[in-house]
Amino acid sequence: MKSVLRSLKEVVGEKLLVVPARDLAVRAGSARAINVVMLGVFNAHARLFADDVVYEAIKSVLPGRAGEVSVKAYELGKAFYAERAKSA
């Protein structure tokens, strides 16, 4: 794995962002929320959607606990990106 990351850094440079998506998803409450963590990272970078639109979409598709976990996963993804962007 380290050799893959090293190779990617050679091609992409220091802008490579390795996201511990599974760890963040588990912290949110479910490893199944990996994709929502990545949505949070992506949207924090690209700023395509307003957060309230994302929250509404998540809650409409995933009611109850699944929605709560997904909102938390989205927020953790955003926070991860924001922290890395500050130090870059």
PDB file of N, CA and C in Angstrom:
ATOM      1  N   MET A   1       0.827  -1.199   0.000  1.00  0.00           N
ATOM      2  CA  MET A   1       0.000   0.000   0.000  1.00  0.00           C
ATOM      3  C   MET A   1       0.871   1.263   0.000  1.00  0.00           C
ATOM      4  N   LYS A   2       1.936   1.232   0.788  1.00  0.00           N
ATOM      5  CA  LYS A   2       2.806   2.406   0.849  1.00  0.00           C
ATOM      6  C   LYS A   2       3.473   2.679  -0.493  1.00  0.00           C
ATOM      7  N   SER A   3       3.806   1.620  -1.220  1.00  0.00           N
ATOM      8  CA  SER A   3       4.431   1.828  -2.533  1.00  0.00           C
ATOM      9  C   SER A   3       3.435   2.434  -3.522  1.00  0.00           C
ATOM     10  N   VAL A   4       2.168   2.056  -3.397  1.00  0.00           N
ATOM     11  CA  VAL A   4       1.128   2.638  -4.254  1.00  0.00           C
ATOM     12  C   VAL A   4       0.988   4.126  -3.951  1.00  0.00           C
ATOM     13  N   LEU A   5       0.934   4.467  -2.676  1.00  0.00           N
ATOM     14  CA  LEU A   5       0.821   5.877  -2.295  1.00  0.00           C
ATOM     15  C   LEU A   5       2.043   6.669  -2.746  1.00  0.00           C
ATOM     16  N   ARG A   6       3.198   6.073  -2.613  1.00  0.00           N
ATOM     17  CA  ARG A   6       4.426   6.743  -3.049  1.00  0.00           C
ATOM     18  C   ARG A   6       4.378   7.005  -4.559  1.00  0.00           C
ATOM     19  N   SER A   7       3.922   6.014  -5.315  1.00  0.00           N
ATOM     20  CA  SER A   7       3.807   6.171  -6.772  1.00  0.00           C
ATOM     21  C   SER A   7       2.792   7.240  -7.137  1.00  0.00           C
ATOM     22  N   LEU A   8       1.669   7.247  -6.443  1.00  0.00           N
ATOM     23  CA  LEU A   8       0.653   8.273  -6.699  1.00  0.00           C
ATOM     24  C   LEU A   8       1.194   9.667  -6.405  1.00  0.00           C
ATOM     25  N   LYS A   9       1.923   9.801  -5.304  1.00  0.00           N
ATOM     26  CA  LYS A   9       2.497  11.107  -4.965  1.00  0.00           C
ATOM     27  C   LYS A   9       3.477  11.574  -6.030  1.00  0.00           C
ATOM     28  N   GLU A  10       4.198  10.633  -6.632  1.00  0.00           N
ATOM     29  CA  GLU A  10       5.127  11.004  -7.696  1.00  0.00           C
ATOM     30  C   GLU A  10       4.385  11.573  -8.900  1.00  0.00           C
ATOM     31  N   VAL A  11       3.204  11.025  -9.182  1.00  0.00           N
ATOM     32  CA  VAL A  11       2.424  11.466 -10.337  1.00  0.00           C
ATOM     33  C   VAL A  11       1.607  12.714 -10.011  1.00  0.00           C
ATOM     34  N   VAL A  12       0.907  12.678  -8.890  1.00  0.00           N
ATOM     35  CA  VAL A  12      -0.024  13.750  -8.530  1.00  0.00           C
ATOM     36  C   VAL A  12       0.685  14.891  -7.814  1.00  0.00           C
ATOM     37  N   GLY A  13       1.676  14.567  -7.034  1.00  0.00           N
ATOM     38  CA  GLY A  13       2.367  15.581  -6.252  1.00  0.00           C
ATOM     39  C   GLY A  13       1.781  15.684  -4.854  1.00  0.00           C
ATOM     40  N   GLU A  14       2.116  16.757  -4.195  1.00  0.00           N
ATOM     41  CA  GLU A  14       1.701  16.945  -2.805  1.00  0.00           C
ATOM     42  C   GLU A  14       0.204  17.214  -2.642  1.00  0.00           C
ATOM     43  N   LYS A  15      -0.496  17.420  -3.736  1.00  0.00           N
ATOM     44  CA  LYS A  15      -1.935  17.671  -3.651  1.00  0.00           C
ATOM     45  C   LYS A  15      -2.739  16.400  -3.412  1.00  0.00           C
ATOM     46  N   LEU A  16      -2.068  15.253  -3.442  1.00  0.00           N
ATOM     47  CA  LEU A  16      -2.745  13.980  -3.193  1.00  0.00           C
ATOM     48  C   LEU A  16      -3.339  13.994  -1.791  1.00  0.00           C
ATOM     49  N   LEU A  17      -4.608  13.697  -1.692  1.00  0.00           N
ATOM     50  CA  LEU A  17      -5.290  13.649  -0.402  1.00  0.00           C
ATOM     51  C   LEU A  17      -5.770  12.227  -0.169  1.00  0.00           C
ATOM     52  N   VAL A  18      -5.204  11.584   0.821  1.00  0.00           N
ATOM     53  CA  VAL A  18      -5.606  10.229   1.187  1.00  0.00           C
ATOM     54  C   VAL A  18      -6.626  10.359   2.311  1.00  0.00           C
ATOM     55  N   VAL A  19      -7.830   9.901   2.049  1.00  0.00           N
ATOM     56  CA  VAL A  19      -8.935  10.050   2.996  1.00  0.00           C
ATOM     57  C   VAL A  19      -9.153   8.732   3.735  1.00  0.00           C
ATOM     58  N   PRO A  20      -9.102   8.748   5.060  1.00  0.00           N
ATOM     59  CA  PRO A  20      -9.397   7.536   5.825  1.00  0.00           C
ATOM     60  C   PRO A  20     -10.917   7.339   5.917  1.00  0.00           C
ATOM     61  N   ALA A  21     -11.527   7.136   4.764  1.00  0.00           N
ATOM     62  CA  ALA A  21     -12.991   7.143   4.664  1.00  0.00           C
ATOM     63  C   ALA A  21     -13.647   6.079   5.536  1.00  0.00           C
ATOM     64  N   ARG A  22     -13.077   4.888   5.562  1.00  0.00           N
ATOM     65  CA  ARG A  22     -13.687   3.828   6.371  1.00  0.00           C
ATOM     66  C   ARG A  22     -13.645   4.198   7.852  1.00  0.00           C
ATOM     67  N   ASP A  23     -12.513   4.693   8.311  1.00  0.00           N
ATOM     68  CA  ASP A  23     -12.393   5.086   9.718  1.00  0.00           C
ATOM     69  C   ASP A  23     -13.393   6.182  10.074  1.00  0.00           C
ATOM     70  N   LEU A  24     -13.529   7.156   9.196  1.00  0.00           N
ATOM     71  CA  LEU A  24     -14.484   8.238   9.454  1.00  0.00           C
ATOM     72  C   LEU A  24     -15.917   7.725   9.431  1.00  0.00           C
ATOM     73  N   ALA A  25     -16.218   6.816   8.512  1.00  0.00           N
ATOM     74  CA  ALA A  25     -17.566   6.250   8.439  1.00  0.00           C
ATOM     75  C   ALA A  25     -17.893   5.462   9.702  1.00  0.00           C
ATOM     76  N   VAL A  26     -16.949   4.681  10.175  1.00  0.00           N
ATOM     77  CA  VAL A  26     -17.156   3.921  11.418  1.00  0.00           C
ATOM     78  C   VAL A  26     -17.373   4.892  12.572  1.00  0.00           C
ATOM     79  N   ARG A  27     -16.600   5.961  12.603  1.00  0.00           N
ATOM     80  CA  ARG A  27     -16.780   6.980  13.642  1.00  0.00           C
ATOM     81  C   ARG A  27     -18.169   7.612  13.576  1.00  0.00           C
ATOM     82  N   ALA A  28     -18.700   7.727  12.364  1.00  0.00           N
ATOM     83  CA  ALA A  28     -20.049   8.283  12.191  1.00  0.00           C
ATOM     84  C   ALA A  28     -21.120   7.300  12.653  1.00  0.00           C
ATOM     85  N   GLY A  29     -20.785   6.010  12.642  1.00  0.00           N
ATOM     86  CA  GLY A  29     -21.754   5.024  13.110  1.00  0.00           C
ATOM     87  C   GLY A  29     -21.919   3.807  12.232  1.00  0.00           C
ATOM     88  N   SER A  30     -21.343   3.812  11.027  1.00  0.00           N
ATOM     89  CA  SER A  30     -21.475   2.657  10.139  1.00  0.00           C
ATOM     90  C   SER A  30     -20.436   2.712   9.025  1.00  0.00           C
ATOM     91  N   ALA A  31     -19.736   1.600   8.836  1.00  0.00           N
ATOM     92  CA  ALA A  31     -18.765   1.518   7.741  1.00  0.00           C
ATOM     93  C   ALA A  31     -19.446   1.687   6.386  1.00  0.00           C
ATOM     94  N   ARG A  32     -20.738   1.432   6.339  1.00  0.00           N
ATOM     95  CA  ARG A  32     -21.477   1.570   5.080  1.00  0.00           C
ATOM     96  C   ARG A  32     -21.605   3.024   4.631  1.00  0.00           C
ATOM     97  N   ALA A  33     -21.229   3.959   5.473  1.00  0.00           N
ATOM     98  CA  ALA A  33     -21.360   5.385   5.147  1.00  0.00           C
ATOM     99  C   ALA A  33     -20.108   5.947   4.473  1.00  0.00           C
ATOM    100  N   ILE A  34     -19.229   5.068   3.996  1.00  0.00           N
ATOM    101  CA  ILE A  34     -17.992   5.522   3.340  1.00  0.00           C
ATOM    102  C   ILE A  34     -18.300   6.492   2.199  1.00  0.00           C
ATOM    103  N   ASN A  35     -19.295   6.160   1.393  1.00  0.00           N
ATOM    104  CA  ASN A  35     -19.601   7.008   0.236  1.00  0.00           C
ATOM    105  C   ASN A  35     -20.043   8.407   0.663  1.00  0.00           C
ATOM    106  N   VAL A  36     -20.711   8.506   1.796  1.00  0.00           N
ATOM    107  CA  VAL A  36     -21.175   9.817   2.252  1.00  0.00           C
ATOM    108  C   VAL A  36     -20.003  10.620   2.830  1.00  0.00           C
ATOM    109  N   VAL A  37     -19.055   9.936   3.446  1.00  0.00           N
ATOM    110  CA  VAL A  37     -17.823  10.610   3.871  1.00  0.00           C
ATOM    111  C   VAL A  37     -17.156  11.236   2.648  1.00  0.00           C
ATOM    112  N   MET A  38     -17.039  10.450   1.592  1.00  0.00           N
ATOM    113  CA  MET A  38     -16.391  10.944   0.374  1.00  0.00           C
ATOM    114  C   MET A  38     -17.192  12.080  -0.265  1.00  0.00           C
ATOM    115  N   LEU A  39     -18.515  12.019  -0.172  1.00  0.00           N
ATOM    116  CA  LEU A  39     -19.343  13.127  -0.652  1.00  0.00           C
ATOM    117  C   LEU A  39     -19.010  14.396   0.126  1.00  0.00           C
ATOM    118  N   GLY A  40     -18.845  14.265   1.435  1.00  0.00           N
ATOM    119  CA  GLY A  40     -18.483  15.421   2.254  1.00  0.00           C
ATOM    120  C   GLY A  40     -17.144  16.013   1.853  1.00  0.00           C
ATOM    121  N   VAL A  41     -16.158  15.146   1.620  1.00  0.00           N
ATOM    122  CA  VAL A  41     -14.838  15.608   1.186  1.00  0.00           C
ATOM    123  C   VAL A  41     -14.951  16.299  -0.171  1.00  0.00           C
ATOM    124  N   PHE A  42     -15.625  15.632  -1.103  1.00  0.00           N
ATOM    125  CA  PHE A  42     -15.764  16.183  -2.451  1.00  0.00           C
ATOM    126  C   PHE A  42     -16.490  17.524  -2.441  1.00  0.00           C
ATOM    127  N   ASN A  43     -17.601  17.597  -1.722  1.00  0.00           N
ATOM    128  CA  ASN A  43     -18.376  18.832  -1.741  1.00  0.00           C
ATOM    129  C   ASN A  43     -17.655  19.961  -1.002  1.00  0.00           C
ATOM    130  N   ALA A  44     -16.874  19.625   0.014  1.00  0.00           N
ATOM    131  CA  ALA A  44     -16.083  20.653   0.690  1.00  0.00           C
ATOM    132  C   ALA A  44     -15.056  21.244  -0.274  1.00  0.00           C
ATOM    133  N   HIS A  45     -14.544  20.420  -1.158  1.00  0.00           N
ATOM    134  CA  HIS A  45     -13.563  20.890  -2.146  1.00  0.00           C
ATOM    135  C   HIS A  45     -14.247  21.608  -3.316  1.00  0.00           C
ATOM    136  N   ALA A  46     -15.250  20.965  -3.904  1.00  0.00           N
ATOM    137  CA  ALA A  46     -15.862  21.476  -5.140  1.00  0.00           C
ATOM    138  C   ALA A  46     -16.948  22.518  -4.898  1.00  0.00           C
ATOM    139  N   ARG A  47     -17.579  22.470  -3.744  1.00  0.00           N
ATOM    140  CA  ARG A  47     -18.656  23.402  -3.385  1.00  0.00           C
ATOM    141  C   ARG A  47     -19.769  23.432  -4.433  1.00  0.00           C
ATOM    142  N   LEU A  48     -20.193  22.244  -4.843  1.00  0.00           N
ATOM    143  CA  LEU A  48     -21.261  22.154  -5.841  1.00  0.00           C
ATOM    144  C   LEU A  48     -22.647  22.334  -5.243  1.00  0.00           C
ATOM    145  N   PHE A  49     -22.834  21.847  -4.024  1.00  0.00           N
ATOM    146  CA  PHE A  49     -24.159  21.856  -3.407  1.00  0.00           C
ATOM    147  C   PHE A  49     -24.106  22.566  -2.063  1.00  0.00           C
ATOM    148  N   ALA A  50     -25.159  23.311  -1.768  1.00  0.00           N
ATOM    149  CA  ALA A  50     -25.282  23.908  -0.440  1.00  0.00           C
ATOM    150  C   ALA A  50     -25.493  22.786   0.570  1.00  0.00           C
ATOM    151  N   ASP A  51     -24.920  22.935   1.751  1.00  0.00           N
ATOM    152  CA  ASP A  51     -25.036  21.883   2.762  1.00  0.00           C
ATOM    153  C   ASP A  51     -26.480  21.545   3.090  1.00  0.00           C
ATOM    154  N   ASP A  52     -27.342  22.556   3.180  1.00  0.00           N
ATOM    155  CA  ASP A  52     -28.737  22.263   3.521  1.00  0.00           C
ATOM    156  C   ASP A  52     -29.408  21.394   2.459  1.00  0.00           C
ATOM    157  N   VAL A  53     -29.017  21.544   1.207  1.00  0.00           N
ATOM    158  CA  VAL A  53     -29.555  20.700   0.131  1.00  0.00           C
ATOM    159  C   VAL A  53     -29.085  19.263   0.317  1.00  0.00           C
ATOM    160  N   VAL A  54     -27.825  19.086   0.669  1.00  0.00           N
ATOM    161  CA  VAL A  54     -27.290  17.738   0.898  1.00  0.00           C
ATOM    162  C   VAL A  54     -27.986  17.099   2.093  1.00  0.00           C
ATOM    163  N   TYR A  55     -28.125  17.840   3.187  1.00  0.00           N
ATOM    164  CA  TYR A  55     -28.790  17.294   4.373  1.00  0.00           C
ATOM    165  C   TYR A  55     -30.219  16.870   4.046  1.00  0.00           C
ATOM    166  N   GLU A  56     -30.925  17.711   3.318  1.00  0.00           N
ATOM    167  CA  GLU A  56     -32.305  17.394   2.946  1.00  0.00           C
ATOM    168  C   GLU A  56     -32.364  16.140   2.075  1.00  0.00           C
ATOM    169  N   ALA A  57     -31.451  16.034   1.126  1.00  0.00           N
ATOM    170  CA  ALA A  57     -31.417  14.857   0.249  1.00  0.00           C
ATOM    171  C   ALA A  57     -31.121  13.594   1.045  1.00  0.00           C
ATOM    172  N   ILE A  58     -30.156  13.664   1.938  1.00  0.00           N
ATOM    173  CA  ILE A  58     -29.817  12.497   2.761  1.00  0.00           C
ATOM    174  C   ILE A  58     -31.020  12.064   3.581  1.00  0.00           C
ATOM    175  N   LYS A  59     -31.641  13.009   4.253  1.00  0.00           N
ATOM    176  CA  LYS A  59     -32.763  12.673   5.137  1.00  0.00           C
ATOM    177  C   LYS A  59     -33.980  12.179   4.372  1.00  0.00           C
ATOM    178  N   SER A  60     -34.162  12.632   3.127  1.00  0.00           N
ATOM    179  CA  SER A  60     -35.317  12.171   2.353  1.00  0.00           C
ATOM    180  C   SER A  60     -35.111  10.753   1.839  1.00  0.00           C
ATOM    181  N   VAL A  61     -33.861  10.378   1.576  1.00  0.00           N
ATOM    182  CA  VAL A  61     -33.564   9.040   1.069  1.00  0.00           C
ATOM    183  C   VAL A  61     -33.333   8.059   2.214  1.00  0.00           C
ATOM    184  N   LEU A  62     -32.752   8.537   3.296  1.00  0.00           N
ATOM    185  CA  LEU A  62     -32.398   7.671   4.422  1.00  0.00           C
ATOM    186  C   LEU A  62     -33.005   8.209   5.714  1.00  0.00           C
ATOM    187  N   PRO A  63     -34.242   7.857   5.991  1.00  0.00           N
ATOM    188  CA  PRO A  63     -34.867   8.346   7.218  1.00  0.00           C
ATOM    189  C   PRO A  63     -34.304   7.630   8.457  1.00  0.00           C
ATOM    190  N   GLY A  64     -34.542   8.208   9.608  1.00  0.00           N
ATOM    191  CA  GLY A  64     -34.168   7.559  10.863  1.00  0.00           C
ATOM    192  C   GLY A  64     -32.670   7.525  11.110  1.00  0.00           C
ATOM    193  N   ARG A  65     -32.241   6.442  11.761  1.00  0.00           N
ATOM    194  CA  ARG A  65     -30.836   6.306  12.160  1.00  0.00           C
ATOM    195  C   ARG A  65     -29.885   6.342  10.963  1.00  0.00           C
ATOM    196  N   ALA A  66     -30.252   5.715   9.865  1.00  0.00           N
ATOM    197  CA  ALA A  66     -29.375   5.714   8.684  1.00  0.00           C
ATOM    198  C   ALA A  66     -29.121   7.141   8.202  1.00  0.00           C
ATOM    199  N   GLY A  67     -30.145   7.965   8.238  1.00  0.00           N
ATOM    200  CA  GLY A  67     -29.987   9.363   7.850  1.00  0.00           C
ATOM    201  C   GLY A  67     -29.099  10.124   8.816  1.00  0.00           C
ATOM    202  N   GLU A  68     -29.277   9.860  10.104  1.00  0.00           N
ATOM    203  CA  GLU A  68     -28.455  10.521  11.119  1.00  0.00           C
ATOM    204  C   GLU A  68     -26.981  10.152  10.955  1.00  0.00           C
ATOM    205  N   VAL A  69     -26.723   8.868  10.732  1.00  0.00           N
ATOM    206  CA  VAL A  69     -25.351   8.399  10.525  1.00  0.00           C
ATOM    207  C   VAL A  69     -24.770   9.040   9.268  1.00  0.00           C
ATOM    208  N   SER A  70     -25.560   9.112   8.224  1.00  0.00           N
ATOM    209  CA  SER A  70     -25.081   9.683   6.963  1.00  0.00           C
ATOM    210  C   SER A  70     -24.787  11.173   7.079  1.00  0.00           C
ATOM    211  N   VAL A  71     -25.615  11.896   7.804  1.00  0.00           N
ATOM    212  CA  VAL A  71     -25.353  13.322   8.032  1.00  0.00           C
ATOM    213  C   VAL A  71     -24.043  13.482   8.798  1.00  0.00           C
ATOM    214  N   LYS A  72     -23.850  12.662   9.819  1.00  0.00           N
ATOM    215  CA  LYS A  72     -22.603  12.710  10.596  1.00  0.00           C
ATOM    216  C   LYS A  72     -21.409  12.368   9.698  1.00  0.00           C
ATOM    217  N   ALA A  73     -21.557  11.364   8.840  1.00  0.00           N
ATOM    218  CA  ALA A  73     -20.482  10.969   7.927  1.00  0.00           C
ATOM    219  C   ALA A  73     -20.147  12.116   6.971  1.00  0.00           C
ATOM    220  N   TYR A  74     -21.165  12.776   6.454  1.00  0.00           N
ATOM    221  CA  TYR A  74     -20.962  13.923   5.562  1.00  0.00           C
ATOM    222  C   TYR A  74     -20.177  15.020   6.290  1.00  0.00           C
ATOM    223  N   GLU A  75     -20.584  15.305   7.511  1.00  0.00           N
ATOM    224  CA  GLU A  75     -19.920  16.342   8.294  1.00  0.00           C
ATOM    225  C   GLU A  75     -18.465  15.978   8.596  1.00  0.00           C
ATOM    226  N   LEU A  76     -18.215  14.704   8.903  1.00  0.00           N
ATOM    227  CA  LEU A  76     -16.842  14.271   9.166  1.00  0.00           C
ATOM    228  C   LEU A  76     -15.977  14.387   7.908  1.00  0.00           C
ATOM    229  N   GLY A  77     -16.549  14.066   6.764  1.00  0.00           N
ATOM    230  CA  GLY A  77     -15.822  14.224   5.505  1.00  0.00           C
ATOM    231  C   GLY A  77     -15.478  15.679   5.238  1.00  0.00           C
ATOM    232  N   LYS A  78     -16.450  16.561   5.454  1.00  0.00           N
ATOM    233  CA  LYS A  78     -16.212  17.996   5.276  1.00  0.00           C
ATOM    234  C   LYS A  78     -15.131  18.496   6.225  1.00  0.00           C
ATOM    235  N   ALA A  79     -15.226  18.074   7.473  1.00  0.00           N
ATOM    236  CA  ALA A  79     -14.259  18.511   8.482  1.00  0.00           C
ATOM    237  C   ALA A  79     -12.855  18.005   8.155  1.00  0.00           C
ATOM    238  N   PHE A  80     -12.763  16.773   7.683  1.00  0.00           N
ATOM    239  CA  PHE A  80     -11.463  16.220   7.302  1.00  0.00           C
ATOM    240  C   PHE A  80     -10.845  17.076   6.203  1.00  0.00           C
ATOM    241  N   TYR A  81     -11.623  17.390   5.189  1.00  0.00           N
ATOM    242  CA  TYR A  81     -11.102  18.210   4.089  1.00  0.00           C
ATOM    243  C   TYR A  81     -10.698  19.597   4.593  1.00  0.00           C
ATOM    244  N   ALA A  82     -11.538  20.203   5.405  1.00  0.00           N
ATOM    245  CA  ALA A  82     -11.255  21.553   5.904  1.00  0.00           C
ATOM    246  C   ALA A  82      -9.952  21.575   6.694  1.00  0.00           C
ATOM    247  N   GLU A  83      -9.733  20.563   7.504  1.00  0.00           N
ATOM    248  CA  GLU A  83      -8.504  20.488   8.297  1.00  0.00           C
ATOM    249  C   GLU A  83      -7.283  20.341   7.396  1.00  0.00           C
ATOM    250  N   ARG A  84      -7.390  19.506   6.375  1.00  0.00           N
ATOM    251  CA  ARG A  84      -6.265  19.304   5.458  1.00  0.00           C
ATOM    252  C   ARG A  84      -6.031  20.545   4.601  1.00  0.00           C
ATOM    253  N   ALA A  85      -7.092  21.226   4.224  1.00  0.00           N
ATOM    254  CA  ALA A  85      -6.960  22.427   3.396  1.00  0.00           C
ATOM    255  C   ALA A  85      -6.246  23.540   4.173  1.00  0.00           C
ATOM    256  N   LYS A  86      -6.491  23.602   5.482  1.00  0.00           N
ATOM    257  CA  LYS A  86      -5.828  24.616   6.308  1.00  0.00           C
ATOM    258  C   LYS A  86      -4.322  24.392   6.375  1.00  0.00           C
ATOM    259  N   SER A  87      -3.937  23.125   6.430  1.00  0.00           N
ATOM    260  CA  SER A  87      -2.512  22.822   6.587  1.00  0.00           C
ATOM    261  C   SER A  87      -1.769  22.753   5.254  1.00  0.00           C
ATOM    262  N   ALA A  88      -2.505  22.894   4.155  1.00  0.00           N
ATOM    263  CA  ALA A  88      -1.858  22.809   2.827  1.00  0.00           C
ATOM    264  C   ALA A  88      -1.287  24.133   2.383  1.00  0.00           C
TER     265      ALA A  88
END
